Amino acid sequence: MIGQQHAYAMPLIFPQSYLDISNSSAHFHGTLDIKTLGGAGFASQRTTGDDRSWDLSDYDGIHLDVGKYDGKRYTLTLKDEILPPNPENGREQSTISYEYEFSSSSAEGLFVPWHALKATYRGKEKDGAEPLDTKNVKRFSVMMRRQV
């Protein structure tokens, strides 16, 4: 026998995330299968509509009611600038993000003061960046990344 071919049937589980909104709360849930993705992956949800803007300058931060403890790490991200899509490929252009990593560890929730948000650009901390413009917040997102 010169060679053998083997075929394996392997079920694929694709990552999916959902955001259910009811009154003043949101429930973020889904499936993150890092095995199928070769060890990489994340699940996220964000606000939509590039024409939206929130003035949060009267507040000291944001309160998150994160529900029951699940042992997972999350990242809250806010943006104060959204550029138009790249004319060459239609993809969103990168801007500075303001991130805060947390886990669900308290039934009382979590308060995130604005000064605790770290400025990042494409996932790396951005030294010397201006602080978040809380008068002009354009996007909120929540993400669960693969545990490292």
C-alpha atoms as a PDB file:
ATOM      1  CA  MET A   1       0.000   0.000   0.000  1.00  0.00           C
ATOM      2  CA  ILE A   2       1.516   3.291  -1.065  1.00  0.00           C
ATOM      3  CA  GLY A   3      -0.539   5.561   1.191  1.00  0.00           C
ATOM      4  CA  GLN A   4      -3.727   5.818   3.108  1.00  0.00           C
ATOM      5  CA  GLN A   5      -6.189   8.634   3.262  1.00  0.00           C
ATOM      6  CA  HIS A   6      -8.144   9.246   6.404  1.00  0.00           C
ATOM      7  CA  ALA A   7     -11.271  11.314   6.696  1.00  0.00           C
ATOM      8  CA  TYR A   8     -12.492  12.513  10.049  1.00  0.00           C
ATOM      9  CA  ALA A   9     -15.915  13.906  10.685  1.00  0.00           C
ATOM     10  CA  MET A  10     -15.528  16.639  13.236  1.00  0.00           C
ATOM     11  CA  PRO A  11     -18.440  18.731  14.458  1.00  0.00           C
ATOM     12  CA  LEU A  12     -17.753  22.439  14.146  1.00  0.00           C
ATOM     13  CA  ILE A  13     -19.021  24.779  16.800  1.00  0.00           C
ATOM     14  CA  PHE A  14     -18.876  28.361  15.648  1.00  0.00           C
ATOM     15  CA  PRO A  15     -18.576  31.153  18.203  1.00  0.00           C
ATOM     16  CA  GLN A  16     -21.802  33.051  18.629  1.00  0.00           C
ATOM     17  CA  SER A  17     -22.678  35.889  20.937  1.00  0.00           C
ATOM     18  CA  TYR A  18     -25.974  37.506  21.788  1.00  0.00           C
ATOM     19  CA  LEU A  19     -27.109  40.648  23.529  1.00  0.00           C
ATOM     20  CA  ASP A  20     -30.648  40.606  24.911  1.00  0.00           C
ATOM     21  CA  ILE A  21     -31.858  44.020  26.057  1.00  0.00           C
ATOM     22  CA  SER A  22     -34.745  44.517  28.462  1.00  0.00           C
ATOM     23  CA  ASN A  23     -35.599  47.895  30.041  1.00  0.00           C
ATOM     24  CA  SER A  24     -32.332  49.230  31.503  1.00  0.00           C
ATOM     25  CA  SER A  25     -30.353  45.987  31.419  1.00  0.00           C
ATOM     26  CA  ALA A  26     -28.588  43.810  28.877  1.00  0.00           C
ATOM     27  CA  HIS A  27     -27.726  40.110  28.984  1.00  0.00           C
ATOM     28  CA  PHE A  28     -24.523  39.183  27.105  1.00  0.00           C
ATOM     29  CA  HIS A  29     -24.166  35.443  26.451  1.00  0.00           C
ATOM     30  CA  GLY A  30     -23.019  32.949  23.879  1.00  0.00           C
ATOM     31  CA  THR A  31     -20.500  30.276  22.923  1.00  0.00           C
ATOM     32  CA  LEU A  32     -16.743  30.689  22.624  1.00  0.00           C
ATOM     33  CA  ASP A  33     -15.095  27.557  21.234  1.00  0.00           C
ATOM     34  CA  ILE A  34     -11.340  28.200  21.337  1.00  0.00           C
ATOM     35  CA  LYS A  35     -10.528  24.590  20.458  1.00  0.00           C
ATOM     36  CA  THR A  36     -12.079  24.883  16.998  1.00  0.00           C
ATOM     37  CA  LEU A  37     -10.349  28.235  16.556  1.00  0.00           C
ATOM     38  CA  GLY A  38      -6.913  26.842  17.383  1.00  0.00           C
ATOM     39  CA  GLY A  39      -6.666  28.564  20.754  1.00  0.00           C
ATOM     40  CA  ALA A  40      -7.768  32.010  19.606  1.00  0.00           C
ATOM     41  CA  GLY A  41     -11.047  33.759  19.874  1.00  0.00           C
ATOM     42  CA  PHE A  42     -13.358  36.250  21.446  1.00  0.00           C
ATOM     43  CA  ALA A  43     -17.049  37.004  21.686  1.00  0.00           C
ATOM     44  CA  SER A  44     -18.314  40.567  21.752  1.00  0.00           C
ATOM     45  CA  GLN A  45     -21.287  42.849  21.330  1.00  0.00           C
ATOM     46  CA  ARG A  46     -21.348  46.587  20.718  1.00  0.00           C
ATOM     47  CA  THR A  47     -23.705  49.455  20.187  1.00  0.00           C
ATOM     48  CA  THR A  48     -24.563  50.165  16.565  1.00  0.00           C
ATOM     49  CA  GLY A  49     -25.119  53.353  14.654  1.00  0.00           C
ATOM     50  CA  ASP A  50     -22.180  55.642  14.012  1.00  0.00           C
ATOM     51  CA  ASP A  51     -24.414  58.697  14.427  1.00  0.00           C
ATOM     52  CA  ARG A  52     -25.049  58.105  18.144  1.00  0.00           C
ATOM     53  CA  SER A  53     -23.397  60.043  20.918  1.00  0.00           C
ATOM     54  CA  TRP A  54     -23.761  60.039  24.713  1.00  0.00           C
ATOM     55  CA  ASP A  55     -22.793  62.916  26.997  1.00  0.00           C
ATOM     56  CA  LEU A  56     -21.584  61.240  30.195  1.00  0.00           C
ATOM     57  CA  SER A  57     -19.595  64.219  31.483  1.00  0.00           C
ATOM     58  CA  ASP A  58     -21.904  64.674  34.499  1.00  0.00           C
ATOM     59  CA  TYR A  59     -20.923  61.215  35.759  1.00  0.00           C
ATOM     60  CA  ASP A  60     -17.761  59.934  37.461  1.00  0.00           C
ATOM     61  CA  GLY A  61     -17.886  56.571  35.669  1.00  0.00           C
ATOM     62  CA  ILE A  62     -20.195  53.740  34.756  1.00  0.00           C
ATOM     63  CA  HIS A  63     -21.829  51.084  36.933  1.00  0.00           C
ATOM     64  CA  LEU A  64     -21.992  47.530  35.579  1.00  0.00           C
ATOM     65  CA  ASP A  65     -24.346  44.960  37.054  1.00  0.00           C
ATOM     66  CA  VAL A  66     -22.414  41.893  35.948  1.00  0.00           C
ATOM     67  CA  GLY A  67     -24.692  39.190  37.382  1.00  0.00           C
ATOM     68  CA  LYS A  68     -23.468  35.949  38.856  1.00  0.00           C
ATOM     69  CA  TYR A  69     -19.790  35.020  39.028  1.00  0.00           C
ATOM     70  CA  ASP A  70     -18.745  32.849  36.082  1.00  0.00           C
ATOM     71  CA  GLY A  71     -14.943  33.006  36.457  1.00  0.00           C
ATOM     72  CA  LYS A  72     -14.479  34.609  33.049  1.00  0.00           C
ATOM     73  CA  ARG A  73     -12.642  37.822  32.188  1.00  0.00           C
ATOM     74  CA  TYR A  74     -14.366  40.564  30.239  1.00  0.00           C
ATOM     75  CA  THR A  75     -13.350  43.866  28.677  1.00  0.00           C
ATOM     76  CA  LEU A  76     -15.552  46.955  28.614  1.00  0.00           C
ATOM     77  CA  THR A  77     -14.580  49.256  25.733  1.00  0.00           C
ATOM     78  CA  LEU A  78     -15.701  52.794  25.018  1.00  0.00           C
ATOM     79  CA  LYS A  79     -14.864  54.949  21.986  1.00  0.00           C
ATOM     80  CA  ASP A  80     -15.176  58.679  21.433  1.00  0.00           C
ATOM     81  CA  GLU A  81     -14.222  58.608  17.738  1.00  0.00           C
ATOM     82  CA  ILE A  82     -15.465  56.486  14.859  1.00  0.00           C
ATOM     83  CA  LEU A  83     -13.976  57.104  11.440  1.00  0.00           C
ATOM     84  CA  PRO A  84     -15.818  56.420   8.182  1.00  0.00           C
ATOM     85  CA  PRO A  85     -15.107  53.045   6.544  1.00  0.00           C
ATOM     86  CA  ASN A  86     -11.874  52.728   4.598  1.00  0.00           C
ATOM     87  CA  PRO A  87     -12.763  53.693   0.988  1.00  0.00           C
ATOM     88  CA  GLU A  88     -10.440  51.015  -0.427  1.00  0.00           C
ATOM     89  CA  ASN A  89     -11.897  47.996   1.364  1.00  0.00           C
ATOM     90  CA  GLY A  90     -14.984  49.194   3.270  1.00  0.00           C
ATOM     91  CA  ARG A  91     -13.593  48.035   6.628  1.00  0.00           C
ATOM     92  CA  GLU A  92     -13.815  50.047   9.822  1.00  0.00           C
ATOM     93  CA  GLN A  93     -10.750  52.188  10.468  1.00  0.00           C
ATOM     94  CA  SER A  94      -8.987  51.807  13.804  1.00  0.00           C
ATOM     95  CA  THR A  95      -9.184  54.512  16.452  1.00  0.00           C
ATOM     96  CA  ILE A  96      -8.170  54.723  20.091  1.00  0.00           C
ATOM     97  CA  SER A  97     -10.279  52.598  22.443  1.00  0.00           C
ATOM     98  CA  TYR A  98     -10.649  52.998  26.190  1.00  0.00           C
ATOM     99  CA  GLU A  99     -10.685  49.609  27.932  1.00  0.00           C
ATOM    100  CA  TYR A 100     -11.313  48.178  31.378  1.00  0.00           C
ATOM    101  CA  GLU A 101     -10.839  44.469  32.150  1.00  0.00           C
ATOM    102  CA  PHE A 102     -12.985  42.854  34.824  1.00  0.00           C
ATOM    103  CA  SER A 103     -14.608  39.648  36.046  1.00  0.00           C
ATOM    104  CA  SER A 104     -18.037  39.156  37.544  1.00  0.00           C
ATOM    105  CA  SER A 105     -17.105  39.002  41.209  1.00  0.00           C
ATOM    106  CA  SER A 106     -19.736  40.877  43.176  1.00  0.00           C
ATOM    107  CA  ALA A 107     -23.505  40.752  43.452  1.00  0.00           C
ATOM    108  CA  GLU A 108     -23.463  44.544  43.919  1.00  0.00           C
ATOM    109  CA  GLY A 109     -21.933  45.053  40.495  1.00  0.00           C
ATOM    110  CA  LEU A 110     -18.876  47.028  39.547  1.00  0.00           C
ATOM    111  CA  PHE A 111     -18.178  50.755  39.320  1.00  0.00           C
ATOM    112  CA  VAL A 112     -15.665  51.769  36.647  1.00  0.00           C
ATOM    113  CA  PRO A 113     -14.377  55.344  37.087  1.00  0.00           C
ATOM    114  CA  TRP A 114     -13.388  57.082  33.858  1.00  0.00           C
ATOM    115  CA  HIS A 115      -9.753  57.377  34.978  1.00  0.00           C
ATOM    116  CA  ALA A 116      -9.518  53.550  35.218  1.00  0.00           C
ATOM    117  CA  LEU A 117     -10.037  53.127  31.458  1.00  0.00           C
ATOM    118  CA  LYS A 118      -6.778  52.415  29.597  1.00  0.00           C
ATOM    119  CA  ALA A 119      -6.248  53.991  26.191  1.00  0.00           C
ATOM    120  CA  THR A 120      -5.373  51.331  23.600  1.00  0.00           C
ATOM    121  CA  TYR A 121      -4.809  51.246  19.860  1.00  0.00           C
ATOM    122  CA  ARG A 122      -5.382  47.918  18.092  1.00  0.00           C
ATOM    123  CA  GLY A 123      -5.113  46.036  21.401  1.00  0.00           C
ATOM    124  CA  LYS A 124      -1.923  47.661  22.688  1.00  0.00           C
ATOM    125  CA  GLU A 125      -1.726  50.306  25.388  1.00  0.00           C
ATOM    126  CA  LYS A 126      -1.315  53.797  23.893  1.00  0.00           C
ATOM    127  CA  ASP A 127       0.946  56.030  25.977  1.00  0.00           C
ATOM    128  CA  GLY A 128       0.278  59.766  25.832  1.00  0.00           C
ATOM    129  CA  ALA A 129      -3.290  59.404  24.522  1.00  0.00           C
ATOM    130  CA  GLU A 130      -5.873  62.001  25.478  1.00  0.00           C
ATOM    131  CA  PRO A 131      -8.395  60.792  28.088  1.00  0.00           C
ATOM    132  CA  LEU A 132     -11.818  59.623  26.957  1.00  0.00           C
ATOM    133  CA  ASP A 133     -14.023  62.526  25.850  1.00  0.00           C
ATOM    134  CA  THR A 134     -16.954  61.765  28.159  1.00  0.00           C
ATOM    135  CA  LYS A 135     -19.049  64.482  26.477  1.00  0.00           C
ATOM    136  CA  ASN A 136     -18.902  62.537  23.217  1.00  0.00           C
ATOM    137  CA  VAL A 137     -18.994  58.751  23.781  1.00  0.00           C
ATOM    138  CA  LYS A 138     -19.861  57.091  20.476  1.00  0.00           C
ATOM    139  CA  ARG A 139     -19.653  53.366  21.210  1.00  0.00           C
ATOM    140  CA  PHE A 140     -19.873  50.854  24.055  1.00  0.00           C
ATOM    141  CA  SER A 141     -18.817  47.228  23.724  1.00  0.00           C
ATOM    142  CA  VAL A 142     -18.296  44.217  25.943  1.00  0.00           C
ATOM    143  CA  MET A 143     -15.950  41.377  25.006  1.00  0.00           C
ATOM    144  CA  MET A 144     -14.900  38.039  26.442  1.00  0.00           C
ATOM    145  CA  ARG A 145     -11.454  36.964  25.259  1.00  0.00           C
ATOM    146  CA  ARG A 146      -9.753  33.626  25.444  1.00  0.00           C
ATOM    147  CA  GLN A 147      -8.101  33.160  28.819  1.00  0.00           C
ATOM    148  CA  VAL A 148      -4.325  33.526  28.606  1.00  0.00           C
END
